[in-house]
N, C-alpha and C. Protein backbone atom coordinates (compact mmCIF):
# COMPACT_ATOMS: atom_id res chain seq x y z
N MET A 1 196.11 -61.82 46.85
CA MET A 1 195.21 -62.43 47.50
C MET A 1 194.89 -63.94 47.41
N PRO A 2 194.91 -64.65 48.34
CA PRO A 2 194.24 -66.06 47.74
C PRO A 2 192.93 -66.33 47.70
N ASP A 3 192.29 -67.04 46.79
CA ASP A 3 190.90 -67.44 46.59
C ASP A 3 190.28 -67.68 47.62
N PRO A 4 189.40 -67.08 47.84
CA PRO A 4 188.21 -66.93 49.10
C PRO A 4 187.68 -68.26 49.51
N SER A 5 187.59 -68.95 48.32
CA SER A 5 186.83 -70.48 48.69
C SER A 5 188.06 -71.76 49.01
N ALA A 6 189.27 -71.14 49.34
CA ALA A 6 190.05 -71.94 49.67
C ALA A 6 189.77 -72.69 50.82
N TYR A 7 190.49 -73.89 51.12
CA TYR A 7 190.40 -74.69 52.25
C TYR A 7 191.16 -74.36 53.32
N PHE A 8 192.24 -73.98 52.95
CA PHE A 8 193.39 -73.22 53.84
C PHE A 8 193.67 -72.35 52.91
N ALA A 9 194.08 -71.07 53.39
CA ALA A 9 195.29 -70.03 52.97
C ALA A 9 196.29 -69.48 53.75
N LEU A 10 197.24 -69.11 52.98
CA LEU A 10 198.39 -68.27 53.70
C LEU A 10 198.96 -67.26 52.78
N VAL A 11 199.38 -66.16 53.38
CA VAL A 11 199.97 -65.48 52.59
C VAL A 11 201.29 -64.75 52.97
N ARG A 12 202.63 -65.08 52.71
CA ARG A 12 203.56 -64.96 53.03
C ARG A 12 204.02 -63.19 53.07
N PRO A 13 204.64 -62.56 54.14
CA PRO A 13 205.09 -61.09 53.74
C PRO A 13 205.55 -61.08 52.14
N ASP A 14 206.45 -61.97 51.82
CA ASP A 14 207.07 -61.70 50.49
C ASP A 14 206.40 -61.79 49.05
N GLY A 15 205.14 -62.15 49.68
CA GLY A 15 204.18 -61.90 48.28
C GLY A 15 203.84 -63.62 47.87
N VAL A 16 204.58 -64.66 48.41
CA VAL A 16 204.01 -66.15 48.04
C VAL A 16 202.67 -66.24 48.65
N SER A 17 201.68 -67.24 48.49
CA SER A 17 200.86 -67.48 48.94
C SER A 17 200.60 -68.90 48.86
N LEU A 18 200.09 -69.61 49.76
CA LEU A 18 199.87 -71.17 49.41
C LEU A 18 198.18 -71.28 49.68
N ALA A 19 197.19 -71.85 49.10
CA ALA A 19 196.07 -71.97 49.12
C ALA A 19 195.79 -73.21 48.20
N SER A 20 194.53 -73.91 49.15
CA SER A 20 194.09 -75.24 48.45
C SER A 20 192.42 -75.11 48.65
N THR A 21 192.09 -75.38 47.51
CA THR A 21 190.70 -75.82 47.25
C THR A 21 190.20 -77.27 47.84
N THR A 22 190.92 -78.07 48.20
CA THR A 22 190.41 -79.33 48.84
C THR A 22 191.60 -79.63 49.91
N ALA A 23 191.29 -80.69 50.76
CA ALA A 23 192.32 -81.09 51.76
C ALA A 23 193.55 -81.77 51.32
N ASP A 24 193.74 -81.96 50.18
CA ASP A 24 194.93 -82.88 49.54
C ASP A 24 195.55 -82.23 48.44
N ALA A 25 195.40 -80.86 48.02
CA ALA A 25 196.14 -80.16 46.85
C ALA A 25 196.58 -78.53 47.57
N VAL A 26 197.50 -78.34 46.77
CA VAL A 26 198.09 -76.72 46.95
C VAL A 26 198.29 -75.88 45.77
N LYS A 27 198.15 -74.98 45.87
CA LYS A 27 198.67 -73.75 44.62
C LYS A 27 199.36 -73.13 45.05
N VAL A 28 200.46 -72.80 44.52
CA VAL A 28 201.52 -71.82 44.86
C VAL A 28 201.41 -70.77 44.00
N THR A 29 201.12 -69.33 44.61
CA THR A 29 200.89 -68.18 43.52
C THR A 29 202.21 -67.16 43.98
N LEU A 30 202.87 -66.48 43.16
CA LEU A 30 203.53 -65.71 43.34
C LEU A 30 202.86 -64.24 43.07
N ASN A 31 203.00 -63.28 43.93
CA ASN A 31 202.48 -61.84 43.79
C ASN A 31 203.27 -60.70 43.93
N ASP A 32 203.38 -60.04 43.25
CA ASP A 32 204.12 -58.53 43.45
C ASP A 32 203.85 -57.95 44.59
N SER A 33 204.46 -56.91 44.79
CA SER A 33 204.20 -55.96 46.27
C SER A 33 203.04 -55.57 46.12
N ALA A 34 202.24 -55.42 45.52
CA ALA A 34 200.80 -54.81 45.39
C ALA A 34 199.67 -55.89 45.64
N GLY A 35 200.35 -57.56 45.45
CA GLY A 35 199.14 -58.72 45.78
C GLY A 35 198.95 -59.07 44.40
N THR A 36 199.31 -58.49 43.00
CA THR A 36 198.93 -58.92 41.97
C THR A 36 199.71 -60.11 41.37
N PRO A 37 199.10 -61.36 40.86
CA PRO A 37 199.70 -62.55 40.78
C PRO A 37 200.38 -62.42 39.33
N ILE A 38 201.92 -62.89 39.72
CA ILE A 38 202.71 -62.74 38.44
C ILE A 38 203.21 -64.30 37.83
N GLY A 39 202.78 -65.18 38.80
CA GLY A 39 202.94 -66.47 38.33
C GLY A 39 202.34 -67.71 39.46
N ALA A 40 202.13 -68.84 38.95
CA ALA A 40 201.44 -69.98 39.97
C ALA A 40 201.98 -71.08 39.39
N LEU A 41 202.32 -72.09 40.55
CA LEU A 41 202.46 -73.49 40.01
C LEU A 41 201.19 -74.32 40.17
N ALA A 42 201.31 -74.96 39.09
CA ALA A 42 199.88 -75.94 39.02
C ALA A 42 199.74 -76.68 40.34
N ALA A 43 198.39 -77.04 40.87
CA ALA A 43 198.25 -77.79 42.12
C ALA A 43 199.13 -79.42 41.87
N VAL A 44 199.61 -79.58 43.29
CA VAL A 44 200.46 -80.45 43.33
C VAL A 44 200.10 -81.22 44.69
N PRO A 45 200.48 -82.27 44.64
CA PRO A 45 199.79 -83.36 46.10
C PRO A 45 200.33 -82.24 47.22
N TRP A 46 199.74 -82.56 48.24
CA TRP A 46 200.12 -81.91 49.45
C TRP A 46 200.25 -82.77 50.42
N PHE A 47 201.74 -82.91 50.97
CA PHE A 47 201.69 -84.17 51.84
C PHE A 47 202.47 -83.62 52.82
N THR A 48 201.83 -83.65 54.07
CA THR A 48 202.28 -83.09 55.22
C THR A 48 202.83 -84.35 56.60
N ARG A 49 203.86 -84.07 56.91
CA ARG A 49 204.37 -85.00 57.84
C ARG A 49 203.35 -85.25 59.17
N GLY A 50 202.86 -86.30 59.42
CA GLY A 50 201.84 -86.65 60.49
C GLY A 50 200.34 -86.42 60.04
N ALA A 51 200.15 -86.66 58.76
CA ALA A 51 199.06 -86.33 58.06
C ALA A 51 198.37 -87.85 58.52
N SER A 52 196.94 -87.90 58.88
CA SER A 52 196.61 -89.00 59.50
C SER A 52 194.92 -88.78 59.34
N VAL A 53 194.31 -90.25 59.37
CA VAL A 53 193.14 -90.33 59.33
C VAL A 53 192.40 -91.18 60.62
N GLN A 54 191.73 -90.89 61.15
CA GLN A 54 191.35 -91.69 62.39
C GLN A 54 190.36 -92.86 61.82
N ILE A 55 190.77 -94.19 62.57
CA ILE A 55 190.05 -95.54 62.15
C ILE A 55 188.90 -95.84 63.42
N GLY A 56 189.35 -95.40 64.46
CA GLY A 56 188.66 -95.71 65.53
C GLY A 56 189.01 -95.29 66.85
N THR A 57 188.21 -94.54 67.63
CA THR A 57 188.33 -94.21 68.98
C THR A 57 187.11 -94.67 69.84
N SER A 58 187.70 -95.12 71.28
CA SER A 58 186.69 -95.51 72.07
C SER A 58 187.18 -95.65 73.76
N ASN A 59 186.07 -95.06 74.49
CA ASN A 59 186.28 -95.22 76.24
C ASN A 59 185.22 -95.94 76.72
N SER A 60 184.53 -96.66 76.14
CA SER A 60 183.17 -97.26 76.46
C SER A 60 183.53 -98.86 76.98
N THR A 61 183.51 -99.16 78.16
CA THR A 61 184.05 -100.41 78.53
C THR A 61 183.12 -101.70 77.98
N LEU A 62 183.66 -102.41 77.92
CA LEU A 62 183.34 -103.88 77.49
C LEU A 62 182.83 -104.69 78.88
N GLY A 63 181.71 -105.42 78.57
CA GLY A 63 181.32 -106.64 79.33
C GLY A 63 182.25 -108.12 78.78
N ALA A 64 182.28 -109.03 79.58
CA ALA A 64 182.75 -110.28 79.54
C ALA A 64 182.60 -110.87 78.23
N SER A 65 183.37 -111.00 77.51
CA SER A 65 183.77 -111.48 76.17
C SER A 65 183.24 -110.88 74.87
N SER A 66 182.89 -109.67 75.13
CA SER A 66 182.14 -108.46 74.50
C SER A 66 183.13 -108.05 73.42
N THR A 67 182.65 -107.31 72.18
CA THR A 67 183.57 -107.00 71.10
C THR A 67 183.55 -105.34 70.60
N TYR A 68 184.42 -104.87 70.59
CA TYR A 68 184.60 -103.00 70.11
C TYR A 68 185.05 -103.39 68.57
N THR A 69 184.37 -102.85 67.81
CA THR A 69 184.79 -103.03 66.14
C THR A 69 184.61 -101.40 65.49
N SER A 70 185.53 -101.06 64.98
CA SER A 70 185.72 -99.88 64.57
C SER A 70 184.70 -99.66 63.40
N GLY A 71 184.73 -98.38 62.90
CA GLY A 71 184.14 -98.35 61.43
C GLY A 71 185.25 -98.80 60.58
N VAL A 72 184.79 -99.01 59.35
CA VAL A 72 185.57 -99.29 58.20
C VAL A 72 186.07 -98.13 57.71
N VAL A 73 187.41 -97.96 57.43
CA VAL A 73 188.05 -96.55 56.73
C VAL A 73 189.13 -97.08 55.40
N SER A 74 188.70 -95.93 54.33
CA SER A 74 189.78 -96.21 53.37
C SER A 74 191.31 -95.82 53.89
N VAL A 75 192.15 -96.72 53.98
CA VAL A 75 193.55 -96.53 54.33
C VAL A 75 194.55 -96.15 53.20
N GLU A 76 193.59 -96.24 51.85
CA GLU A 76 194.62 -96.15 50.66
C GLU A 76 195.45 -94.89 50.59
N GLY A 77 196.71 -94.71 50.48
CA GLY A 77 197.79 -93.65 50.63
C GLY A 77 198.18 -93.32 52.02
N TYR A 78 197.99 -94.08 52.71
CA TYR A 78 198.64 -93.99 54.11
C TYR A 78 199.58 -95.44 54.35
N SER A 79 200.54 -95.10 54.81
CA SER A 79 201.75 -96.38 55.04
C SER A 79 201.29 -97.38 56.15
N ARG A 80 200.71 -96.52 57.38
CA ARG A 80 200.74 -97.56 58.45
C ARG A 80 199.48 -97.23 59.12
N ILE A 81 199.31 -98.41 59.84
CA ILE A 81 197.87 -98.09 60.88
C ILE A 81 198.83 -98.35 62.02
N VAL A 82 198.44 -97.25 62.76
CA VAL A 82 199.21 -97.22 64.46
C VAL A 82 197.95 -97.18 65.53
N GLY A 83 198.28 -97.05 66.67
CA GLY A 83 197.02 -96.84 67.58
C GLY A 83 197.47 -97.53 68.97
N ILE A 84 196.70 -97.47 70.14
CA ILE A 84 197.37 -98.04 71.30
C ILE A 84 195.78 -98.25 71.77
N ALA A 85 196.18 -99.11 72.61
CA ALA A 85 194.84 -100.04 73.38
C ALA A 85 195.22 -100.15 74.98
N TYR A 86 193.94 -100.02 75.75
CA TYR A 86 194.50 -100.38 77.14
C TYR A 86 193.45 -100.46 77.91
N ALA A 87 193.50 -101.61 78.60
CA ALA A 87 192.11 -102.10 79.08
C ALA A 87 192.35 -102.66 80.64
N ASP A 88 191.58 -102.60 81.66
CA ASP A 88 192.30 -103.19 83.20
C ASP A 88 191.95 -104.45 83.09
N GLN A 89 191.49 -105.51 82.13
CA GLN A 89 191.28 -106.60 81.96
C GLN A 89 191.97 -107.12 80.62
N PRO A 90 192.30 -108.22 80.67
CA PRO A 90 193.42 -108.73 79.34
C PRO A 90 192.08 -109.04 78.54
N SER A 91 192.74 -108.80 77.09
CA SER A 91 191.75 -109.24 76.17
C SER A 91 191.50 -110.73 75.97
N ALA A 92 190.86 -111.01 74.96
CA ALA A 92 190.94 -112.69 74.54
C ALA A 92 192.16 -113.07 74.07
N ALA A 93 192.70 -114.32 73.89
CA ALA A 93 193.77 -114.31 73.33
C ALA A 93 193.65 -114.08 71.76
N SER A 94 194.95 -113.44 71.32
CA SER A 94 194.92 -112.19 70.18
C SER A 94 193.85 -111.36 69.90
N GLY A 95 193.02 -111.02 70.74
CA GLY A 95 191.82 -110.41 71.02
C GLY A 95 191.96 -109.13 70.31
N LEU A 96 192.91 -108.36 70.16
CA LEU A 96 192.94 -106.91 68.96
C LEU A 96 193.49 -107.40 68.02
N SER A 97 192.75 -107.23 67.00
CA SER A 97 193.19 -107.30 65.57
C SER A 97 193.06 -105.74 64.75
N VAL A 98 193.96 -105.77 63.66
CA VAL A 98 194.00 -104.83 62.59
C VAL A 98 193.61 -105.76 61.49
N GLN A 99 192.55 -105.45 60.97
CA GLN A 99 192.11 -106.24 59.70
C GLN A 99 192.04 -105.31 58.61
N GLN A 100 192.49 -105.58 57.47
CA GLN A 100 192.55 -105.08 55.97
C GLN A 100 192.02 -105.89 54.79
N ALA A 101 191.19 -104.96 54.01
CA ALA A 101 190.37 -105.62 52.97
C ALA A 101 191.25 -105.00 51.44
N SER A 102 191.17 -105.48 50.42
CA SER A 102 191.77 -104.74 49.49
C SER A 102 190.95 -103.87 48.53
N ARG A 103 189.78 -104.87 48.18
CA ARG A 103 188.82 -104.03 47.10
C ARG A 103 187.55 -103.84 47.80
N ASP A 104 186.82 -104.23 48.83
CA ASP A 104 185.83 -103.95 49.49
C ASP A 104 185.66 -103.92 50.75
N THR A 105 184.62 -103.69 51.21
CA THR A 105 184.54 -103.31 52.72
C THR A 105 183.65 -104.52 53.45
N THR A 106 183.84 -105.90 52.83
CA THR A 106 183.39 -106.88 53.39
C THR A 106 184.15 -108.24 53.57
N ASN A 107 184.95 -108.14 52.99
CA ASN A 107 185.83 -109.31 52.86
C ASN A 107 187.41 -108.95 53.46
N PHE A 108 187.63 -109.09 54.93
CA PHE A 108 188.99 -108.71 55.43
C PHE A 108 189.75 -109.98 55.58
N ASP A 109 190.78 -109.93 54.38
CA ASP A 109 191.24 -111.13 53.96
C ASP A 109 192.50 -111.39 55.10
N TYR A 110 193.07 -109.99 55.50
CA TYR A 110 194.57 -110.05 56.14
C TYR A 110 194.29 -109.62 57.60
N SER A 111 194.78 -109.77 58.31
CA SER A 111 194.75 -109.37 59.94
C SER A 111 196.17 -109.64 60.73
N GLU A 112 196.32 -108.80 61.52
CA GLU A 112 197.34 -108.92 62.39
C GLU A 112 196.65 -108.92 63.65
N THR A 113 197.33 -109.53 64.55
CA THR A 113 196.70 -109.54 65.92
C THR A 113 197.32 -109.57 66.98
N PHE A 114 197.04 -109.25 68.34
CA PHE A 114 197.53 -108.76 69.36
C PHE A 114 196.90 -109.49 70.59
N SER A 115 197.91 -109.68 71.74
CA SER A 115 196.97 -109.82 72.90
C SER A 115 197.20 -108.96 73.86
N VAL A 116 196.35 -108.25 74.43
CA VAL A 116 196.45 -107.07 75.26
C VAL A 116 196.39 -107.54 76.83
N THR A 117 197.46 -107.45 77.50
CA THR A 117 197.45 -107.69 79.21
C THR A 117 196.84 -106.81 79.63
N ALA A 118 196.44 -106.97 80.87
CA ALA A 118 195.58 -106.10 81.96
C ALA A 118 196.42 -105.24 82.39
N ALA A 119 195.80 -103.92 82.29
CA ALA A 119 196.14 -102.89 83.01
C ALA A 119 197.82 -102.23 82.06
N VAL A 120 198.13 -102.68 81.05
CA VAL A 120 199.30 -102.53 80.47
C VAL A 120 199.12 -101.88 78.71
N ALA A 121 199.39 -100.82 78.68
CA ALA A 121 198.94 -100.03 77.42
C ALA A 121 199.72 -100.95 76.13
N LEU A 122 198.99 -101.11 75.00
CA LEU A 122 199.85 -101.65 73.92
C LEU A 122 199.72 -100.81 72.83
N PRO A 123 201.12 -100.07 72.47
CA PRO A 123 200.79 -99.43 71.31
C PRO A 123 200.90 -100.53 70.07
N PHE A 124 200.48 -100.45 68.92
CA PHE A 124 200.82 -101.14 67.66
C PHE A 124 200.73 -100.42 66.38
N SER A 125 201.78 -101.17 65.25
CA SER A 125 201.88 -100.57 64.42
C SER A 125 202.07 -101.50 63.22
N VAL A 126 201.07 -101.30 62.10
CA VAL A 126 200.96 -102.41 61.36
C VAL A 126 200.94 -101.56 60.31
N GLU A 127 201.89 -102.16 58.94
CA GLU A 127 202.01 -101.97 57.74
C GLU A 127 200.97 -101.92 57.10
N THR A 128 200.73 -100.79 56.01
CA THR A 128 199.06 -100.84 55.08
C THR A 128 199.30 -101.79 53.98
N VAL A 129 198.31 -102.49 53.98
CA VAL A 129 198.30 -103.48 52.41
C VAL A 129 197.37 -103.60 51.80
N GLY A 130 196.13 -103.08 52.72
CA GLY A 130 194.83 -102.95 52.05
C GLY A 130 194.32 -101.72 51.58
N GLN A 131 193.09 -101.72 51.09
CA GLN A 131 192.55 -100.40 50.69
C GLN A 131 191.65 -99.96 51.93
N TYR A 132 191.15 -100.89 52.57
CA TYR A 132 190.09 -100.56 53.63
C TYR A 132 190.66 -101.16 54.91
N ALA A 133 190.50 -100.51 56.06
CA ALA A 133 190.76 -101.02 57.62
C ALA A 133 189.78 -100.92 58.60
N LYS A 134 189.73 -101.77 59.43
CA LYS A 134 188.81 -101.67 60.68
C LYS A 134 190.14 -102.21 61.82
N VAL A 135 189.23 -101.67 63.13
CA VAL A 135 190.41 -102.31 64.23
C VAL A 135 188.98 -102.99 65.23
N GLN A 136 189.58 -104.16 66.01
CA GLN A 136 188.48 -104.84 66.38
C GLN A 136 189.47 -105.15 67.81
N PHE A 137 188.51 -105.18 69.11
CA PHE A 137 189.03 -105.97 70.23
C PHE A 137 188.10 -106.66 70.87
N ILE A 138 188.36 -108.03 71.23
CA ILE A 138 187.68 -108.96 72.00
C ILE A 138 187.88 -109.12 73.32
N ASN A 139 187.27 -108.45 74.18
CA ASN A 139 187.47 -108.55 75.61
C ASN A 139 187.36 -110.21 75.95
N GLY A 140 188.46 -110.28 77.27
CA GLY A 140 188.35 -111.76 77.69
C GLY A 140 187.23 -111.83 78.73
N SER A 141 187.39 -112.68 79.65
CA SER A 141 186.17 -113.21 80.19
C SER A 141 185.53 -112.20 81.58
N THR A 142 186.39 -111.50 81.61
CA THR A 142 185.94 -110.58 82.81
C THR A 142 185.54 -109.15 82.38
N ALA A 143 184.49 -108.67 82.82
CA ALA A 143 184.18 -107.39 82.25
C ALA A 143 184.89 -106.47 82.81
N GLN A 144 185.14 -105.23 81.62
CA GLN A 144 185.84 -104.08 82.15
C GLN A 144 185.53 -102.90 82.90
N ASP A 145 186.41 -102.34 83.75
CA ASP A 145 186.30 -101.18 84.42
C ASP A 145 186.60 -100.01 83.63
N THR A 146 187.80 -100.29 82.83
CA THR A 146 188.32 -99.47 82.13
C THR A 146 188.85 -99.76 80.59
N PHE A 147 188.36 -99.12 79.70
CA PHE A 147 188.95 -99.15 78.37
C PHE A 147 189.36 -98.23 77.45
N ARG A 148 190.15 -98.29 76.75
CA ARG A 148 190.62 -96.97 75.88
C ARG A 148 191.27 -97.45 74.49
N ILE A 149 190.57 -97.06 73.42
CA ILE A 149 191.37 -97.57 72.43
C ILE A 149 191.47 -96.72 71.28
N ARG A 150 192.75 -96.28 70.53
CA ARG A 150 192.61 -95.07 69.43
C ARG A 150 193.53 -95.96 68.23
N SER A 151 192.54 -95.66 67.03
CA SER A 151 193.77 -96.28 65.82
C SER A 151 193.62 -94.93 64.68
N TYR A 152 194.66 -94.86 64.17
CA TYR A 152 194.83 -94.11 62.93
C TYR A 152 195.72 -94.77 61.84
N ALA A 153 195.41 -94.19 60.91
CA ALA A 153 196.09 -94.69 59.39
C ALA A 153 197.12 -93.38 59.30
N ARG A 154 198.24 -93.70 59.17
CA ARG A 154 199.32 -92.17 58.76
C ARG A 154 200.29 -92.50 57.49
């Protein structure tokens, strides 16, 4: 029987159980047919394909020349920052930016920028080079009626 305090637990019919006490570790226990543990592997990193952390999401429209800025998120351990932005009005020139900082959450020294065309979804994907990231969208000179943005580290 897996530890009841586990973050998640799975017991296969052949007696192998998987359990994790955190979101990023796993313990493999081998049990006999009666459920008695007969062996275990030490906790090892638990990497799942598609694991991600949300950086920001919004459906709130922006006024003329207004700005959306996500929260600051640790992206350490993730290889890419991905997302999609859509607005019925164009962004400012290079108005979508993925900004990254290496050691703090104040100085965002690295940025990749994109311009969003009106009524055309723009998917983006940026290599992770910093420890922290945020996403910013600066609207163009016309107020929006529709705006959607989603961003994740994965």
